[in-house]
N, C-alpha and C. Protein backbone atom coordinates (compact mmCIF):
# COMPACT_ATOMS: atom_id res chain seq x y z
N MET A 1 -11.10 -10.10 17.42
CA MET A 1 -10.11 -9.44 16.58
C MET A 1 -8.84 -9.23 17.38
N LEU A 2 -7.72 -9.45 16.75
CA LEU A 2 -6.43 -9.28 17.40
C LEU A 2 -6.10 -7.81 17.61
N GLU A 3 -5.48 -7.51 18.73
CA GLU A 3 -5.00 -6.15 18.98
C GLU A 3 -3.73 -5.92 18.18
N LYS A 4 -3.42 -4.66 17.91
CA LYS A 4 -2.25 -4.34 17.10
C LYS A 4 -0.95 -4.83 17.76
N GLY A 5 -0.88 -4.80 19.08
CA GLY A 5 0.32 -5.26 19.77
C GLY A 5 0.58 -6.74 19.53
N LEU A 6 -0.48 -7.53 19.54
CA LEU A 6 -0.35 -8.96 19.29
C LEU A 6 -0.01 -9.24 17.82
N ILE A 7 -0.61 -8.46 16.93
CA ILE A 7 -0.29 -8.57 15.51
C ILE A 7 1.19 -8.25 15.30
N GLU A 8 1.67 -7.19 15.93
CA GLU A 8 3.08 -6.81 15.79
C GLU A 8 4.00 -7.94 16.26
N GLU A 9 3.70 -8.53 17.39
CA GLU A 9 4.54 -9.61 17.92
C GLU A 9 4.59 -10.79 16.95
N LYS A 10 3.45 -11.16 16.40
CA LYS A 10 3.41 -12.25 15.43
C LYS A 10 4.21 -11.90 14.18
N ILE A 11 4.11 -10.66 13.73
CA ILE A 11 4.84 -10.22 12.54
C ILE A 11 6.34 -10.26 12.80
N ARG A 12 6.77 -9.82 13.96
CA ARG A 12 8.20 -9.87 14.29
C ARG A 12 8.71 -11.31 14.29
N LYS A 13 7.91 -12.23 14.79
CA LYS A 13 8.30 -13.65 14.78
C LYS A 13 8.40 -14.18 13.35
N ILE A 14 7.47 -13.76 12.50
CA ILE A 14 7.49 -14.17 11.10
C ILE A 14 8.75 -13.65 10.42
N ILE A 15 9.06 -12.38 10.64
CA ILE A 15 10.24 -11.79 10.01
C ILE A 15 11.51 -12.44 10.55
N LYS A 16 11.54 -12.72 11.83
CA LYS A 16 12.70 -13.39 12.43
C LYS A 16 12.93 -14.75 11.78
N LYS A 17 11.86 -15.48 11.55
CA LYS A 17 11.96 -16.83 11.00
C LYS A 17 12.29 -16.84 9.50
N ASN A 18 11.82 -15.83 8.77
CA ASN A 18 11.90 -15.87 7.32
C ASN A 18 12.87 -14.88 6.68
N THR A 19 13.67 -14.19 7.47
CA THR A 19 14.65 -13.25 6.91
C THR A 19 15.98 -13.41 7.64
N LEU A 20 16.92 -12.59 7.25
CA LEU A 20 18.23 -12.61 7.90
C LEU A 20 18.28 -11.82 9.20
N TYR A 21 17.18 -11.17 9.58
CA TYR A 21 17.18 -10.35 10.79
C TYR A 21 17.39 -11.15 12.07
N LYS A 22 16.80 -12.31 12.14
CA LYS A 22 16.87 -13.18 13.32
C LYS A 22 16.58 -12.38 14.60
N ASP A 23 17.42 -12.47 15.62
CA ASP A 23 17.13 -11.80 16.89
C ASP A 23 17.17 -10.28 16.80
N SER A 24 17.87 -9.74 15.82
CA SER A 24 17.96 -8.28 15.70
C SER A 24 16.62 -7.65 15.33
N ILE A 25 15.64 -8.45 14.93
CA ILE A 25 14.32 -7.89 14.58
C ILE A 25 13.69 -7.17 15.77
N TYR A 26 14.05 -7.57 16.96
CA TYR A 26 13.49 -6.93 18.15
C TYR A 26 14.16 -5.59 18.46
N GLU A 27 15.25 -5.28 17.76
CA GLU A 27 15.93 -4.00 17.92
C GLU A 27 15.44 -2.98 16.89
N ILE A 28 14.71 -3.44 15.90
CA ILE A 28 14.23 -2.58 14.82
C ILE A 28 13.02 -1.77 15.30
N LYS A 29 13.05 -0.48 15.06
CA LYS A 29 11.91 0.37 15.39
C LYS A 29 10.79 0.12 14.39
N ASN A 30 9.57 0.37 14.82
CA ASN A 30 8.41 0.09 13.97
C ASN A 30 8.43 0.83 12.64
N ASP A 31 9.00 2.03 12.62
CA ASP A 31 9.00 2.82 11.39
C ASP A 31 10.32 2.73 10.63
N GLU A 32 11.21 1.87 11.05
CA GLU A 32 12.50 1.69 10.39
C GLU A 32 12.35 0.76 9.19
N SER A 33 12.96 1.14 8.07
CA SER A 33 12.84 0.35 6.84
C SER A 33 13.45 -1.04 7.03
N LEU A 34 12.72 -2.06 6.59
CA LEU A 34 13.20 -3.44 6.72
C LEU A 34 14.19 -3.82 5.62
N GLN A 35 14.03 -3.25 4.45
CA GLN A 35 14.94 -3.51 3.33
C GLN A 35 15.14 -5.01 3.09
N ILE A 36 14.03 -5.74 2.98
CA ILE A 36 14.13 -7.18 2.71
C ILE A 36 14.10 -7.41 1.21
N ASP A 37 14.80 -8.45 0.77
CA ASP A 37 14.85 -8.73 -0.66
C ASP A 37 13.57 -9.44 -1.11
N SER A 38 13.46 -9.67 -2.41
CA SER A 38 12.22 -10.22 -2.97
C SER A 38 11.94 -11.65 -2.50
N VAL A 39 12.98 -12.44 -2.31
CA VAL A 39 12.78 -13.82 -1.83
C VAL A 39 12.25 -13.80 -0.40
N ASP A 40 12.87 -12.99 0.46
CA ASP A 40 12.39 -12.87 1.84
C ASP A 40 10.97 -12.31 1.87
N ALA A 41 10.69 -11.33 1.01
CA ALA A 41 9.36 -10.74 0.96
C ALA A 41 8.31 -11.79 0.63
N LEU A 42 8.61 -12.64 -0.33
CA LEU A 42 7.68 -13.71 -0.70
C LEU A 42 7.46 -14.66 0.48
N GLU A 43 8.52 -15.04 1.16
CA GLU A 43 8.40 -15.93 2.32
C GLU A 43 7.60 -15.29 3.44
N VAL A 44 7.82 -14.00 3.66
CA VAL A 44 7.07 -13.28 4.69
C VAL A 44 5.59 -13.23 4.32
N LEU A 45 5.29 -12.95 3.06
CA LEU A 45 3.89 -12.89 2.61
C LEU A 45 3.18 -14.23 2.80
N VAL A 46 3.83 -15.31 2.42
CA VAL A 46 3.24 -16.64 2.60
C VAL A 46 2.99 -16.91 4.08
N ALA A 47 3.96 -16.57 4.92
CA ALA A 47 3.81 -16.79 6.36
C ALA A 47 2.69 -15.93 6.93
N LEU A 48 2.56 -14.69 6.47
CA LEU A 48 1.47 -13.83 6.94
C LEU A 48 0.12 -14.45 6.60
N GLU A 49 0.00 -14.97 5.39
CA GLU A 49 -1.25 -15.61 4.99
C GLU A 49 -1.57 -16.81 5.87
N GLU A 50 -0.56 -17.60 6.17
CA GLU A 50 -0.77 -18.79 7.00
C GLU A 50 -1.10 -18.44 8.44
N VAL A 51 -0.31 -17.56 9.04
CA VAL A 51 -0.48 -17.22 10.46
C VAL A 51 -1.80 -16.51 10.72
N PHE A 52 -2.16 -15.58 9.83
CA PHE A 52 -3.38 -14.79 10.05
C PHE A 52 -4.59 -15.33 9.30
N ASP A 53 -4.42 -16.46 8.60
CA ASP A 53 -5.50 -17.10 7.86
C ASP A 53 -6.19 -16.12 6.91
N ILE A 54 -5.37 -15.48 6.08
CA ILE A 54 -5.87 -14.50 5.12
C ILE A 54 -5.30 -14.83 3.74
N THR A 55 -5.84 -14.19 2.73
CA THR A 55 -5.30 -14.26 1.38
C THR A 55 -4.92 -12.84 0.98
N ILE A 56 -3.70 -12.69 0.48
CA ILE A 56 -3.22 -11.39 0.04
C ILE A 56 -3.10 -11.43 -1.48
N SER A 57 -3.92 -10.61 -2.14
CA SER A 57 -3.90 -10.60 -3.61
C SER A 57 -2.79 -9.68 -4.12
N ASP A 58 -2.41 -9.90 -5.36
CA ASP A 58 -1.39 -9.06 -5.98
C ASP A 58 -1.81 -7.59 -5.99
N GLU A 59 -3.10 -7.35 -6.16
CA GLU A 59 -3.61 -5.98 -6.22
C GLU A 59 -3.45 -5.24 -4.89
N GLU A 60 -3.31 -5.97 -3.80
CA GLU A 60 -3.17 -5.35 -2.49
C GLU A 60 -1.71 -5.02 -2.15
N LEU A 61 -0.81 -5.55 -2.93
CA LEU A 61 0.61 -5.39 -2.64
C LEU A 61 1.18 -4.14 -3.30
N PHE A 62 1.80 -3.34 -2.48
CA PHE A 62 2.50 -2.14 -2.93
C PHE A 62 3.88 -2.18 -2.28
N PRO A 63 4.86 -1.49 -2.84
CA PRO A 63 6.19 -1.50 -2.24
C PRO A 63 6.19 -1.15 -0.75
N GLN A 64 5.32 -0.24 -0.36
CA GLN A 64 5.29 0.18 1.04
C GLN A 64 4.63 -0.84 1.97
N THR A 65 3.95 -1.85 1.43
CA THR A 65 3.26 -2.84 2.27
C THR A 65 4.23 -3.53 3.22
N LEU A 66 5.42 -3.86 2.74
CA LEU A 66 6.42 -4.54 3.58
C LEU A 66 7.59 -3.62 3.92
N GLU A 67 7.35 -2.31 3.86
CA GLU A 67 8.42 -1.33 4.10
C GLU A 67 8.93 -1.38 5.54
N ASN A 68 8.02 -1.48 6.50
CA ASN A 68 8.42 -1.50 7.90
C ASN A 68 7.36 -2.23 8.73
N ILE A 69 7.66 -2.42 9.99
CA ILE A 69 6.75 -3.15 10.89
C ILE A 69 5.39 -2.44 10.96
N SER A 70 5.40 -1.12 11.10
CA SER A 70 4.14 -0.38 11.22
C SER A 70 3.24 -0.58 10.01
N GLN A 71 3.84 -0.53 8.81
CA GLN A 71 3.06 -0.72 7.58
C GLN A 71 2.44 -2.11 7.54
N ILE A 72 3.21 -3.11 7.94
CA ILE A 72 2.70 -4.49 7.91
C ILE A 72 1.59 -4.65 8.94
N VAL A 73 1.79 -4.12 10.14
CA VAL A 73 0.76 -4.20 11.19
C VAL A 73 -0.53 -3.56 10.71
N ASP A 74 -0.43 -2.35 10.15
CA ASP A 74 -1.63 -1.66 9.66
C ASP A 74 -2.32 -2.44 8.55
N PHE A 75 -1.54 -2.99 7.64
CA PHE A 75 -2.10 -3.78 6.54
C PHE A 75 -2.87 -4.99 7.08
N ILE A 76 -2.24 -5.74 7.99
CA ILE A 76 -2.89 -6.94 8.55
C ILE A 76 -4.10 -6.55 9.38
N TYR A 77 -4.00 -5.50 10.16
CA TYR A 77 -5.12 -5.06 10.99
C TYR A 77 -6.33 -4.70 10.12
N LYS A 78 -6.09 -3.95 9.05
CA LYS A 78 -7.18 -3.57 8.13
C LYS A 78 -7.76 -4.81 7.45
N LYS A 79 -6.88 -5.71 7.04
CA LYS A 79 -7.33 -6.94 6.38
C LYS A 79 -8.22 -7.75 7.32
N LEU A 80 -7.80 -7.90 8.56
CA LEU A 80 -8.59 -8.67 9.54
C LEU A 80 -9.90 -7.94 9.87
N SER A 81 -9.87 -6.61 9.90
CA SER A 81 -11.09 -5.84 10.15
C SER A 81 -12.11 -6.03 9.04
N LEU A 82 -11.63 -6.06 7.80
CA LEU A 82 -12.53 -6.28 6.67
C LEU A 82 -13.15 -7.66 6.72
N LEU A 83 -12.35 -8.65 7.08
CA LEU A 83 -12.86 -10.02 7.16
C LEU A 83 -13.92 -10.15 8.26
N LYS A 84 -13.69 -9.46 9.36
CA LYS A 84 -14.62 -9.53 10.48
C LYS A 84 -15.96 -8.88 10.13
N SER A 85 -15.92 -7.84 9.28
CA SER A 85 -17.14 -7.12 8.93
C SER A 85 -17.98 -7.84 7.89
N ILE A 86 -17.43 -8.89 7.30
CA ILE A 86 -18.18 -9.62 6.26
C ILE A 86 -19.15 -10.59 6.90
């Protein structure tokens, strides 16, 4: 299972690649709002599924899921923990 620090690094790379943040993503604090638009959110979600080899259902998505880095890290960590326990 991936550690949260490694998950965070992968998430920052995904956001850098799929949003307008680019290099400034490394200046964003974990609890700072990302304020990404719906198109970027969709691209980030697809990339998360690919990178972490998971499926994210519509029922799992809430506005706060992509609110900030911490929320995304926690979501992915829990998702990976559930998969490991199966």
